[in-house]
Amino acid sequence: PEWSSPAFQQLSGVTQTCATKTVGWDYVAYFCYPFTLEMFFTQGDESEDSLPQWPVLYFEVLSLDFWQRYRVEGYGSLVLPASPGLHMLTIPTWRPVDLGTVAELRRFFIGGSPELEDITYVRIPSTFKGERLSRFGFRTETTGSVTFRLYCLQQSKAFLETSALRQRMQSVLDRLGGSSQQSSVYNVLEAFQRARRRMQEARESLPQDLISTSASAV
């Protein structure tokens, strides 16, 4: 199974620059950057029982100060939700750091910081083919978090077939229920007619003097 996207679909982008504001002890930036992503999943016959791996969104946070100095503030990733609807996801971020105080002084006064050559290293690198991924010796620092508001929509022929099958079954049940109800009413009417005929036959079999006596007594 694999995911694909239309040829016109952009799979990367850059947001606008946003000024931060102080909220408590944190510096918060509200980007409000809208984006649209359309993906297609194709599943082969040999993998019908396997669960698909949902697409992953990688992101990098950069800062720009008054002196036009860039710094990497954090990396992160999120797996797109597997269920439709509104999802609010807050993803923690981290950045690689160098050893020693000189590197931090250089970052503060000059700008610049260690960056990832392959952003997929945030999770499992795209070039990794082994069984165990070791990050021993890789120093990082927790920096903050990014909140995403995602509106997910899913379409599938399987959903349509399931819905059509459910409608057909409901139609059959309705027809069965209607016919059974009609047959029940018919059975009641038929039983009433049989009882009425038996009463008439019993009345006709009685002696005439007994019938006239009963009528006069009533």
C-alpha atoms as a PDB file:
ATOM      1  CA  PRO A   1       0.000   0.000   0.000  1.00  0.00           C
ATOM      2  CA  GLU A   2       1.193   3.506  -0.727  1.00  0.00           C
ATOM      3  CA  TRP A   3       0.092   7.125  -0.601  1.00  0.00           C
ATOM      4  CA  SER A   4       0.155   9.503  -3.532  1.00  0.00           C
ATOM      5  CA  SER A   5      -0.858  13.084  -4.241  1.00  0.00           C
ATOM      6  CA  PRO A   6      -1.934  14.981  -7.367  1.00  0.00           C
ATOM      7  CA  ALA A   7       0.786  16.410  -9.582  1.00  0.00           C
ATOM      8  CA  PHE A   8      -0.275  19.975  -8.756  1.00  0.00           C
ATOM      9  CA  GLN A   9      -0.159  19.333  -4.989  1.00  0.00           C
ATOM     10  CA  GLN A  10       2.570  21.218  -3.106  1.00  0.00           C
ATOM     11  CA  LEU A  11       4.044  19.023  -0.395  1.00  0.00           C
ATOM     12  CA  SER A  12       6.090  21.776   1.272  1.00  0.00           C
ATOM     13  CA  GLY A  13       5.682  25.437   2.094  1.00  0.00           C
ATOM     14  CA  VAL A  14       6.770  28.378   4.232  1.00  0.00           C
ATOM     15  CA  THR A  15       4.537  30.446   6.484  1.00  0.00           C
ATOM     16  CA  GLN A  16       4.671  34.192   6.930  1.00  0.00           C
ATOM     17  CA  THR A  17       6.759  35.868   9.636  1.00  0.00           C
ATOM     18  CA  CYS A  18       4.747  36.462  12.794  1.00  0.00           C
ATOM     19  CA  ALA A  19       5.568  38.649  15.794  1.00  0.00           C
ATOM     20  CA  THR A  20       5.386  36.993  19.199  1.00  0.00           C
ATOM     21  CA  LYS A  21       3.521  38.171  22.281  1.00  0.00           C
ATOM     22  CA  THR A  22       4.091  37.318  25.914  1.00  0.00           C
ATOM     23  CA  VAL A  23       1.540  34.951  27.461  1.00  0.00           C
ATOM     24  CA  GLY A  24       2.571  34.174  31.012  1.00  0.00           C
ATOM     25  CA  TRP A  25       6.170  32.977  30.820  1.00  0.00           C
ATOM     26  CA  ASP A  26       5.986  31.993  27.147  1.00  0.00           C
ATOM     27  CA  TYR A  27       6.420  33.791  23.845  1.00  0.00           C
ATOM     28  CA  VAL A  28       3.471  32.875  21.612  1.00  0.00           C
ATOM     29  CA  ALA A  29       3.068  33.446  17.862  1.00  0.00           C
ATOM     30  CA  TYR A  30      -0.313  33.026  16.131  1.00  0.00           C
ATOM     31  CA  PHE A  31       0.444  32.133  12.517  1.00  0.00           C
ATOM     32  CA  CYS A  32      -3.108  31.213  11.397  1.00  0.00           C
ATOM     33  CA  TYR A  33      -1.588  29.830   8.212  1.00  0.00           C
ATOM     34  CA  PRO A  34      -4.126  27.805   6.164  1.00  0.00           C
ATOM     35  CA  PHE A  35      -3.033  24.936   3.950  1.00  0.00           C
ATOM     36  CA  THR A  36      -4.788  22.157   2.045  1.00  0.00           C
ATOM     37  CA  LEU A  37      -3.458  18.646   1.540  1.00  0.00           C
ATOM     38  CA  GLU A  38      -5.045  15.982  -0.644  1.00  0.00           C
ATOM     39  CA  MET A  39      -3.759  12.408  -0.497  1.00  0.00           C
ATOM     40  CA  PHE A  40      -4.810   9.159  -2.169  1.00  0.00           C
ATOM     41  CA  PHE A  41      -4.289   5.693  -0.737  1.00  0.00           C
ATOM     42  CA  THR A  42      -3.961   2.688  -3.036  1.00  0.00           C
ATOM     43  CA  GLN A  43      -4.149  -0.751  -1.455  1.00  0.00           C
ATOM     44  CA  GLY A  44      -3.147  -3.930  -3.242  1.00  0.00           C
ATOM     45  CA  ASP A  45      -4.822  -7.302  -2.959  1.00  0.00           C
ATOM     46  CA  GLU A  46      -1.894  -8.752  -1.034  1.00  0.00           C
ATOM     47  CA  SER A  47      -2.204  -6.144   1.742  1.00  0.00           C
ATOM     48  CA  GLU A  48      -5.940  -6.071   2.409  1.00  0.00           C
ATOM     49  CA  ASP A  49      -5.469  -7.235   5.996  1.00  0.00           C
ATOM     50  CA  SER A  50      -2.610  -4.825   6.810  1.00  0.00           C
ATOM     51  CA  LEU A  51      -3.248  -1.420   8.343  1.00  0.00           C
ATOM     52  CA  PRO A  52      -2.009   1.582   6.338  1.00  0.00           C
ATOM     53  CA  GLN A  53       0.614   3.958   7.716  1.00  0.00           C
ATOM     54  CA  TRP A  54      -0.871   7.430   7.668  1.00  0.00           C
ATOM     55  CA  PRO A  55       1.064  10.372   6.171  1.00  0.00           C
ATOM     56  CA  VAL A  56       3.377  12.354   8.429  1.00  0.00           C
ATOM     57  CA  LEU A  57       3.683  16.147   8.487  1.00  0.00           C
ATOM     58  CA  TYR A  58       7.185  17.446   9.294  1.00  0.00           C
ATOM     59  CA  PHE A  59       7.764  21.045  10.327  1.00  0.00           C
ATOM     60  CA  GLU A  60      10.617  23.333  11.334  1.00  0.00           C
ATOM     61  CA  VAL A  61      10.336  26.518  13.399  1.00  0.00           C
ATOM     62  CA  LEU A  62      12.740  29.394  12.663  1.00  0.00           C
ATOM     63  CA  SER A  63      13.176  32.749  14.374  1.00  0.00           C
ATOM     64  CA  LEU A  64      14.273  36.071  12.883  1.00  0.00           C
ATOM     65  CA  ASP A  65      15.351  38.945  15.119  1.00  0.00           C
ATOM     66  CA  PHE A  66      15.712  42.684  14.552  1.00  0.00           C
ATOM     67  CA  TRP A  67      19.233  42.253  13.105  1.00  0.00           C
ATOM     68  CA  GLN A  68      18.019  39.671  10.552  1.00  0.00           C
ATOM     69  CA  ARG A  69      19.665  36.769  12.350  1.00  0.00           C
ATOM     70  CA  TYR A  70      18.110  33.353  11.744  1.00  0.00           C
ATOM     71  CA  ARG A  71      17.976  30.618  14.347  1.00  0.00           C
ATOM     72  CA  VAL A  72      16.466  27.149  14.381  1.00  0.00           C
ATOM     73  CA  GLU A  73      13.995  27.021  17.258  1.00  0.00           C
ATOM     74  CA  GLY A  74      12.680  23.494  16.869  1.00  0.00           C
ATOM     75  CA  TYR A  75      11.688  20.489  14.793  1.00  0.00           C
ATOM     76  CA  GLY A  76       8.609  18.324  15.086  1.00  0.00           C
ATOM     77  CA  SER A  77       6.284  15.962  13.282  1.00  0.00           C
ATOM     78  CA  LEU A  78       2.713  14.756  13.513  1.00  0.00           C
ATOM     79  CA  VAL A  79       0.820  11.830  12.028  1.00  0.00           C
ATOM     80  CA  LEU A  80      -2.325  12.946  10.233  1.00  0.00           C
ATOM     81  CA  PRO A  81      -5.450  11.804  12.121  1.00  0.00           C
ATOM     82  CA  ALA A  82      -7.001   8.550  10.950  1.00  0.00           C
ATOM     83  CA  SER A  83     -10.558   9.717  11.721  1.00  0.00           C
ATOM     84  CA  PRO A  84     -12.496  12.526  10.022  1.00  0.00           C
ATOM     85  CA  GLY A  85     -13.559  15.687  11.801  1.00  0.00           C
ATOM     86  CA  LEU A  86     -11.898  18.503  13.727  1.00  0.00           C
ATOM     87  CA  HIS A  87      -8.625  17.744  15.515  1.00  0.00           C
ATOM     88  CA  MET A  88      -6.554  20.057  17.734  1.00  0.00           C
ATOM     89  CA  LEU A  89      -3.027  18.667  18.094  1.00  0.00           C
ATOM     90  CA  THR A  90      -0.203  20.234  20.115  1.00  0.00           C
ATOM     91  CA  ILE A  91       3.186  18.865  19.060  1.00  0.00           C
ATOM     92  CA  PRO A  92       6.327  19.383  21.202  1.00  0.00           C
ATOM     93  CA  THR A  93       9.471  20.571  19.422  1.00  0.00           C
ATOM     94  CA  TRP A  94      13.202  20.168  19.971  1.00  0.00           C
ATOM     95  CA  ARG A  95      16.410  21.405  18.360  1.00  0.00           C
ATOM     96  CA  PRO A  96      19.930  19.982  18.106  1.00  0.00           C
ATOM     97  CA  VAL A  97      22.581  21.664  20.261  1.00  0.00           C
ATOM     98  CA  ASP A  98      26.371  21.825  20.260  1.00  0.00           C
ATOM     99  CA  LEU A  99      28.586  21.147  23.250  1.00  0.00           C
ATOM    100  CA  GLY A 100      30.119  24.056  25.117  1.00  0.00           C
ATOM    101  CA  THR A 101      29.285  27.637  25.943  1.00  0.00           C
ATOM    102  CA  VAL A 102      30.910  29.065  22.809  1.00  0.00           C
ATOM    103  CA  ALA A 103      28.240  27.551  20.578  1.00  0.00           C
ATOM    104  CA  GLU A 104      25.455  29.152  22.626  1.00  0.00           C
ATOM    105  CA  LEU A 105      27.243  32.527  22.604  1.00  0.00           C
ATOM    106  CA  ARG A 106      27.644  32.279  18.831  1.00  0.00           C
ATOM    107  CA  ARG A 107      23.955  31.468  18.488  1.00  0.00           C
ATOM    108  CA  PHE A 108      22.968  34.441  20.661  1.00  0.00           C
ATOM    109  CA  PHE A 109      25.255  37.121  19.156  1.00  0.00           C
ATOM    110  CA  ILE A 110      25.827  35.973  15.566  1.00  0.00           C
ATOM    111  CA  GLY A 111      22.880  33.726  14.849  1.00  0.00           C
ATOM    112  CA  GLY A 112      22.805  30.374  13.199  1.00  0.00           C
ATOM    113  CA  SER A 113      22.585  26.980  14.869  1.00  0.00           C
ATOM    114  CA  PRO A 114      22.917  23.277  14.019  1.00  0.00           C
ATOM    115  CA  GLU A 115      20.334  22.103  11.487  1.00  0.00           C
ATOM    116  CA  LEU A 116      19.142  18.726  10.242  1.00  0.00           C
ATOM    117  CA  GLU A 117      20.216  17.843   6.717  1.00  0.00           C
ATOM    118  CA  ASP A 118      17.262  15.455   6.432  1.00  0.00           C
ATOM    119  CA  ILE A 119      14.112  16.606   8.229  1.00  0.00           C
ATOM    120  CA  THR A 120      12.776  13.037   8.288  1.00  0.00           C
ATOM    121  CA  TYR A 121      15.403  12.392  10.979  1.00  0.00           C
ATOM    122  CA  VAL A 122      12.791  13.826  13.351  1.00  0.00           C
ATOM    123  CA  ARG A 123      11.158  10.378  13.197  1.00  0.00           C
ATOM    124  CA  ILE A 124      12.711   7.600  11.111  1.00  0.00           C
ATOM    125  CA  PRO A 125      15.001   8.831   8.308  1.00  0.00           C
ATOM    126  CA  SER A 126      13.846   8.036   4.794  1.00  0.00           C
ATOM    127  CA  THR A 127      17.257   6.484   4.050  1.00  0.00           C
ATOM    128  CA  PHE A 128      17.212   4.157   7.079  1.00  0.00           C
ATOM    129  CA  LYS A 129      16.837   0.460   6.210  1.00  0.00           C
ATOM    130  CA  GLY A 130      17.937  -1.310   9.392  1.00  0.00           C
ATOM    131  CA  GLU A 131      15.995  -2.760  12.293  1.00  0.00           C
ATOM    132  CA  ARG A 132      17.285  -0.489  15.101  1.00  0.00           C
ATOM    133  CA  LEU A 133      17.918   3.239  14.845  1.00  0.00           C
ATOM    134  CA  SER A 134      20.512   4.559  17.298  1.00  0.00           C
ATOM    135  CA  ARG A 135      20.631   8.247  18.233  1.00  0.00           C
ATOM    136  CA  PHE A 136      23.428   7.803  20.741  1.00  0.00           C
ATOM    137  CA  GLY A 137      25.500  10.982  21.052  1.00  0.00           C
ATOM    138  CA  PHE A 138      22.871  13.186  19.394  1.00  0.00           C
ATOM    139  CA  ARG A 139      22.222  16.091  21.788  1.00  0.00           C
ATOM    140  CA  THR A 140      18.906  17.918  21.694  1.00  0.00           C
ATOM    141  CA  GLU A 141      17.036  20.496  23.731  1.00  0.00           C
ATOM    142  CA  THR A 142      13.300  20.890  24.285  1.00  0.00           C
ATOM    143  CA  THR A 143      12.157  24.247  22.956  1.00  0.00           C
ATOM    144  CA  GLY A 144       8.359  24.585  22.846  1.00  0.00           C
ATOM    145  CA  SER A 145       5.296  23.359  20.988  1.00  0.00           C
ATOM    146  CA  VAL A 146       3.197  24.035  17.885  1.00  0.00           C
ATOM    147  CA  THR A 147      -0.597  23.653  17.800  1.00  0.00           C
ATOM    148  CA  PHE A 148      -2.356  22.505  14.619  1.00  0.00           C
ATOM    149  CA  ARG A 149      -6.066  22.720  13.889  1.00  0.00           C
ATOM    150  CA  LEU A 150      -6.905  20.085  11.284  1.00  0.00           C
ATOM    151  CA  TYR A 151     -10.195  19.522   9.478  1.00  0.00           C
ATOM    152  CA  CYS A 152     -10.064  16.013   8.001  1.00  0.00           C
ATOM    153  CA  LEU A 153     -12.363  14.623   5.321  1.00  0.00           C
ATOM    154  CA  GLN A 154     -12.304  11.024   4.106  1.00  0.00           C
ATOM    155  CA  GLN A 155     -13.858   9.572   0.965  1.00  0.00           C
ATOM    156  CA  SER A 156     -13.787   5.930  -0.087  1.00  0.00           C
ATOM    157  CA  LYS A 157     -15.647   3.577  -2.399  1.00  0.00           C
ATOM    158  CA  ALA A 158     -15.711   1.115   0.475  1.00  0.00           C
ATOM    159  CA  PHE A 159     -17.800   3.606   2.470  1.00  0.00           C
ATOM    160  CA  LEU A 160     -20.205   3.938  -0.468  1.00  0.00           C
ATOM    161  CA  GLU A 161     -20.530   0.178  -0.900  1.00  0.00           C
ATOM    162  CA  THR A 162     -21.109  -0.287   2.816  1.00  0.00           C
ATOM    163  CA  SER A 163     -23.745   2.451   2.835  1.00  0.00           C
ATOM    164  CA  ALA A 164     -25.502   0.979  -0.206  1.00  0.00           C
ATOM    165  CA  LEU A 165     -25.461  -2.484   1.368  1.00  0.00           C
ATOM    166  CA  ARG A 166     -26.888  -1.065   4.592  1.00  0.00           C
ATOM    167  CA  GLN A 167     -29.659   0.672   2.643  1.00  0.00           C
ATOM    168  CA  ARG A 168     -30.490  -2.521   0.748  1.00  0.00           C
ATOM    169  CA  MET A 169     -30.643  -4.506   3.974  1.00  0.00           C
ATOM    170  CA  GLN A 170     -32.846  -1.858   5.568  1.00  0.00           C
ATOM    171  CA  SER A 171     -35.148  -1.930   2.533  1.00  0.00           C
ATOM    172  CA  VAL A 172     -35.433  -5.710   2.778  1.00  0.00           C
ATOM    173  CA  LEU A 173     -36.161  -5.473   6.492  1.00  0.00           C
ATOM    174  CA  ASP A 174     -38.793  -2.808   5.852  1.00  0.00           C
ATOM    175  CA  ARG A 175     -40.462  -4.962   3.229  1.00  0.00           C
ATOM    176  CA  LEU A 176     -40.353  -7.979   5.508  1.00  0.00           C
ATOM    177  CA  GLY A 177     -41.740  -5.944   8.362  1.00  0.00           C
ATOM    178  CA  GLY A 178     -44.528  -4.522   6.179  1.00  0.00           C
ATOM    179  CA  SER A 179     -45.531  -7.910   4.784  1.00  0.00           C
ATOM    180  CA  SER A 180     -45.499  -9.503   8.227  1.00  0.00           C
ATOM    181  CA  GLN A 181     -47.686  -6.704   9.549  1.00  0.00           C
ATOM    182  CA  GLN A 182     -50.100  -7.117   6.655  1.00  0.00           C
ATOM    183  CA  SER A 183     -50.194 -10.883   7.177  1.00  0.00           C
ATOM    184  CA  SER A 184     -50.914 -10.369  10.888  1.00  0.00           C
ATOM    185  CA  VAL A 185     -53.887  -8.114  10.106  1.00  0.00           C
ATOM    186  CA  TYR A 186     -55.113 -10.602   7.515  1.00  0.00           C
ATOM    187  CA  ASN A 187     -54.839 -13.474  10.013  1.00  0.00           C
ATOM    188  CA  VAL A 188     -56.870 -11.525  12.595  1.00  0.00           C
ATOM    189  CA  LEU A 189     -59.607 -10.715  10.078  1.00  0.00           C
ATOM    190  CA  GLU A 190     -59.703 -14.294   8.871  1.00  0.00           C
ATOM    191  CA  ALA A 191     -59.995 -15.610  12.443  1.00  0.00           C
ATOM    192  CA  PHE A 192     -62.819 -13.131  13.093  1.00  0.00           C
ATOM    193  CA  GLN A 193     -64.672 -14.320   9.990  1.00  0.00           C
ATOM    194  CA  ARG A 194     -64.273 -17.952  11.042  1.00  0.00           C
ATOM    195  CA  ALA A 195     -65.590 -17.197  14.523  1.00  0.00           C
ATOM    196  CA  ARG A 196     -68.547 -15.317  13.046  1.00  0.00           C
ATOM    197  CA  ARG A 197     -69.409 -18.225  10.769  1.00  0.00           C
ATOM    198  CA  ARG A 198     -69.238 -20.670  13.678  1.00  0.00           C
ATOM    199  CA  MET A 199     -71.579 -18.456  15.701  1.00  0.00           C
ATOM    200  CA  GLN A 200     -74.037 -18.322  12.808  1.00  0.00           C
ATOM    201  CA  GLU A 201     -73.874 -22.105  12.369  1.00  0.00           C
ATOM    202  CA  ALA A 202     -74.411 -22.645  16.092  1.00  0.00           C
ATOM    203  CA  ARG A 203     -77.381 -20.253  16.057  1.00  0.00           C
ATOM    204  CA  GLU A 204     -78.963 -22.046  13.124  1.00  0.00           C
ATOM    205  CA  SER A 205     -78.579 -25.434  14.819  1.00  0.00           C
ATOM    206  CA  LEU A 206     -80.493 -24.336  17.933  1.00  0.00           C
ATOM    207  CA  PRO A 207     -84.290 -25.063  18.215  1.00  0.00           C
ATOM    208  CA  GLN A 208     -86.556 -22.223  17.106  1.00  0.00           C
ATOM    209  CA  ASP A 209     -88.502 -22.081  20.392  1.00  0.00           C
ATOM    210  CA  LEU A 210     -85.249 -21.659  22.357  1.00  0.00           C
ATOM    211  CA  ILE A 211     -84.154 -18.823  20.075  1.00  0.00           C
ATOM    212  CA  SER A 212     -87.549 -17.040  20.445  1.00  0.00           C
ATOM    213  CA  THR A 213     -87.500 -17.488  24.243  1.00  0.00           C
ATOM    214  CA  SER A 214     -84.004 -16.028  24.450  1.00  0.00           C
ATOM    215  CA  ALA A 215     -85.017 -13.112  22.244  1.00  0.00           C
ATOM    216  CA  SER A 216     -88.122 -12.344  24.392  1.00  0.00           C
ATOM    217  CA  ALA A 217     -86.058 -12.549  27.578  1.00  0.00           C
ATOM    218  CA  VAL A 218     -83.547 -10.067  26.236  1.00  0.00           C
END
